[in-house]
Amino acid sequence: MAATTHGTSGEAAVARALGRLDAYSFFVLPAHDWNADYAVVGTTGAFLIVVCDLPGVALVDARRPVVGDRAVPSLRQLRTGARRFAGRLTEASALASVVPIVCLTHAIAGPPVDAAGVRFVKLADLSRDISARPGMQSHTRAQSAARALGVHVAGDQRRHFTVRS
């Protein structure tokens, strides 16, 4: 939870942006166990998202990303959380590569860019950046990964199977 306080308007705005993702292909869940605000598992991959409410101009370079005159905090914790999240997905026999994302809600920034092992994306570009990637796994594999993380997929109550944890 890099630069946010739970319940902020930035976190609510990110939740709305993630709500624009196709509900059949993407599953959104809270990710506080992995040092982030949201986790997304879908057909284009797995993503761990932290909300950054810092105002100002974002200068994202390979050394030390800053917004305004403040460094973006907790990048190391986000990368660590992404590795732990990838491990959890691997245990569930799902996609194991996770893209850590810092969503800039109040900053002035350019197009999405990777720096310091993290992807920096403006709020307006978040859902498009996640959904426009090439497909990496099928819908059923994404659903299986979501189930392993505790998400109840629509239609599960009528199926006869058990979810292994």
Protein backbone atom coordinates (compact mmCIF):
# COMPACT_ATOMS: atom_id res chain seq x y z
CA MET A 1 0.00 0.00 0.00
CA ALA A 2 2.42 2.52 -1.27
CA ALA A 3 1.16 6.06 -1.15
CA THR A 4 -2.42 5.70 -0.13
CA THR A 5 -4.68 5.56 2.86
CA HIS A 6 -7.43 2.94 2.79
CA GLY A 7 -10.73 4.41 1.70
CA THR A 8 -9.26 7.38 -0.18
CA SER A 9 -10.87 8.78 -3.27
CA GLY A 10 -7.92 7.49 -5.30
CA GLU A 11 -8.55 3.93 -4.17
CA ALA A 12 -12.26 4.28 -5.05
CA ALA A 13 -11.33 5.68 -8.47
CA VAL A 14 -9.04 2.72 -9.13
CA ALA A 15 -11.84 0.35 -8.07
CA ARG A 16 -14.15 2.03 -10.61
CA ALA A 17 -11.48 1.78 -13.34
CA LEU A 18 -10.98 -1.92 -12.60
CA GLY A 19 -14.77 -2.35 -12.71
CA ARG A 20 -14.59 -1.47 -16.42
CA LEU A 21 -12.69 -4.69 -17.13
CA ASP A 22 -14.63 -7.55 -18.72
CA ALA A 23 -16.09 -9.54 -15.80
CA TYR A 24 -15.83 -12.78 -17.79
CA SER A 25 -12.10 -12.38 -18.45
CA PHE A 26 -10.80 -10.52 -15.38
CA PHE A 27 -11.18 -11.08 -11.66
CA VAL A 28 -10.37 -8.31 -9.17
CA LEU A 29 -9.69 -8.94 -5.51
CA PRO A 30 -8.14 -7.09 -2.56
CA ALA A 31 -4.40 -7.63 -2.27
CA HIS A 32 -3.40 -6.38 1.15
CA ASP A 33 -1.70 -9.73 1.86
CA TRP A 34 0.70 -9.00 -1.02
CA ASN A 35 1.62 -5.38 -0.09
CA ALA A 36 -0.78 -3.88 -2.64
CA ASP A 37 -4.31 -2.53 -2.92
CA TYR A 38 -5.73 -4.72 -5.71
CA ALA A 39 -4.86 -7.92 -7.53
CA VAL A 40 -6.21 -8.72 -10.99
CA VAL A 41 -6.11 -12.16 -12.59
CA GLY A 42 -7.28 -12.44 -16.17
CA THR A 43 -6.67 -13.69 -19.66
CA THR A 44 -3.89 -11.13 -20.23
CA GLY A 45 -1.99 -12.03 -17.06
CA ALA A 46 -1.83 -11.27 -13.37
CA PHE A 47 -1.37 -7.78 -11.95
CA LEU A 48 -0.69 -6.35 -8.51
CA ILE A 49 -1.81 -2.72 -8.22
CA VAL A 50 -0.87 -0.02 -5.72
CA VAL A 51 -2.67 3.34 -5.65
CA CYS A 52 -0.39 6.41 -5.57
CA ASP A 53 -2.25 9.60 -4.62
CA LEU A 54 0.79 11.89 -4.78
CA PRO A 55 0.08 15.13 -6.70
CA GLY A 56 2.51 16.71 -9.14
CA VAL A 57 4.45 15.85 -12.25
CA ALA A 58 5.63 12.24 -12.44
CA LEU A 59 9.26 11.76 -13.45
CA VAL A 60 9.69 8.05 -13.93
CA ASP A 61 13.19 6.93 -14.76
CA ALA A 62 15.15 3.76 -14.14
CA ARG A 63 16.79 5.03 -10.94
CA ARG A 64 14.22 6.59 -8.60
CA PRO A 65 10.67 7.43 -9.73
CA VAL A 66 9.30 10.65 -8.19
CA VAL A 67 6.00 12.49 -8.24
CA GLY A 68 6.37 16.19 -7.59
CA ASP A 69 9.29 16.38 -5.18
CA ARG A 70 8.57 13.06 -3.39
CA ALA A 71 9.87 9.62 -4.26
CA VAL A 72 7.22 6.99 -4.91
CA PRO A 73 7.33 4.93 -1.71
CA SER A 74 7.25 1.18 -1.12
CA LEU A 75 8.40 -0.02 -4.55
CA ARG A 76 10.53 -2.73 -2.96
CA GLN A 77 7.53 -4.00 -0.96
CA LEU A 78 5.43 -4.05 -4.14
CA ARG A 79 8.04 -6.10 -6.01
CA THR A 80 8.30 -8.48 -3.03
CA GLY A 81 4.50 -8.79 -2.94
CA ALA A 82 4.48 -9.54 -6.67
CA ARG A 83 6.93 -12.41 -6.16
CA ARG A 84 4.81 -13.80 -3.31
CA PHE A 85 1.64 -13.44 -5.41
CA ALA A 86 3.35 -15.24 -8.30
CA GLY A 87 4.28 -18.02 -5.89
CA ARG A 88 0.67 -18.33 -4.76
CA LEU A 89 -0.46 -18.56 -8.39
CA THR A 90 2.19 -21.19 -9.12
CA GLU A 91 0.91 -23.27 -6.19
CA ALA A 92 -2.52 -23.12 -7.81
CA SER A 93 -1.07 -24.24 -11.18
CA ALA A 94 -1.94 -20.90 -12.73
CA LEU A 95 -0.01 -18.20 -14.55
CA ALA A 96 3.05 -17.30 -12.49
CA SER A 97 4.32 -13.99 -13.93
CA VAL A 98 2.87 -10.96 -12.14
CA VAL A 99 3.13 -7.35 -13.32
CA PRO A 100 3.45 -4.90 -10.40
CA ILE A 101 1.67 -1.62 -11.24
CA VAL A 102 1.65 1.78 -9.55
CA CYS A 103 -1.53 3.62 -10.54
CA LEU A 104 -0.96 7.38 -10.52
CA THR A 105 -4.33 8.87 -9.59
CA HIS A 106 -3.44 12.56 -9.15
CA ALA A 107 -0.12 12.89 -10.96
CA ILE A 108 0.54 14.37 -14.35
CA ALA A 109 2.24 11.62 -16.31
CA GLY A 110 2.92 10.40 -19.82
CA PRO A 111 2.00 7.03 -21.29
CA PRO A 112 2.49 3.84 -19.24
CA VAL A 113 6.15 3.10 -18.63
CA ASP A 114 8.26 0.51 -16.81
CA ALA A 115 10.89 1.66 -14.31
CA ALA A 116 12.53 0.15 -11.24
CA GLY A 117 10.85 -3.19 -12.01
CA VAL A 118 7.36 -1.65 -11.77
CA ARG A 119 4.88 -0.38 -14.37
CA PHE A 120 3.62 3.20 -13.84
CA VAL A 121 0.16 3.89 -15.29
CA LYS A 122 -2.19 6.88 -15.10
CA LEU A 123 -5.66 6.20 -13.78
CA ALA A 124 -7.23 6.96 -17.18
CA ASP A 125 -5.05 4.30 -18.84
CA LEU A 126 -5.30 1.55 -16.20
CA SER A 127 -8.09 -0.68 -17.55
CA ARG A 128 -6.89 -0.27 -21.15
CA ASP A 129 -3.30 -1.12 -20.19
CA ILE A 130 -4.42 -4.34 -18.50
CA SER A 131 -6.93 -5.47 -21.12
CA ALA A 132 -4.96 -4.52 -24.26
CA ARG A 133 -2.10 -6.89 -23.55
CA PRO A 134 -1.83 -10.09 -25.58
CA GLY A 135 -3.79 -13.02 -24.21
CA MET A 136 -1.63 -15.29 -22.08
CA GLN A 137 -4.14 -17.83 -20.83
CA SER A 138 -7.64 -19.09 -21.52
CA HIS A 139 -10.79 -17.95 -19.73
CA THR A 140 -11.00 -21.26 -17.90
CA ARG A 141 -7.39 -21.00 -16.67
CA ALA A 142 -8.05 -17.44 -15.44
CA GLN A 143 -11.20 -18.64 -13.68
CA SER A 144 -9.26 -21.50 -12.09
CA ALA A 145 -6.63 -19.07 -10.79
CA ALA A 146 -9.35 -16.78 -9.42
CA ARG A 147 -11.04 -19.71 -7.66
CA ALA A 148 -7.72 -20.70 -6.09
CA LEU A 149 -7.49 -17.17 -4.67
CA GLY A 150 -10.97 -17.41 -3.16
CA VAL A 151 -13.06 -15.64 -5.80
CA HIS A 152 -16.53 -17.05 -6.40
CA VAL A 153 -16.97 -17.22 -10.16
CA ALA A 154 -20.50 -16.75 -11.51
CA GLY A 155 -22.18 -20.10 -12.05
CA ASP A 156 -20.06 -22.01 -9.53
CA GLN A 157 -22.97 -22.70 -7.20
CA ARG A 158 -24.59 -24.93 -9.85
CA ARG A 159 -21.46 -26.91 -10.65
CA HIS A 160 -20.45 -30.08 -8.87
CA PHE A 161 -16.79 -29.79 -8.05
CA THR A 162 -14.51 -28.85 -5.17
CA VAL A 163 -11.87 -26.18 -5.15
CA ARG A 164 -8.54 -27.27 -3.76
CA SER A 165 -6.61 -24.74 -1.71
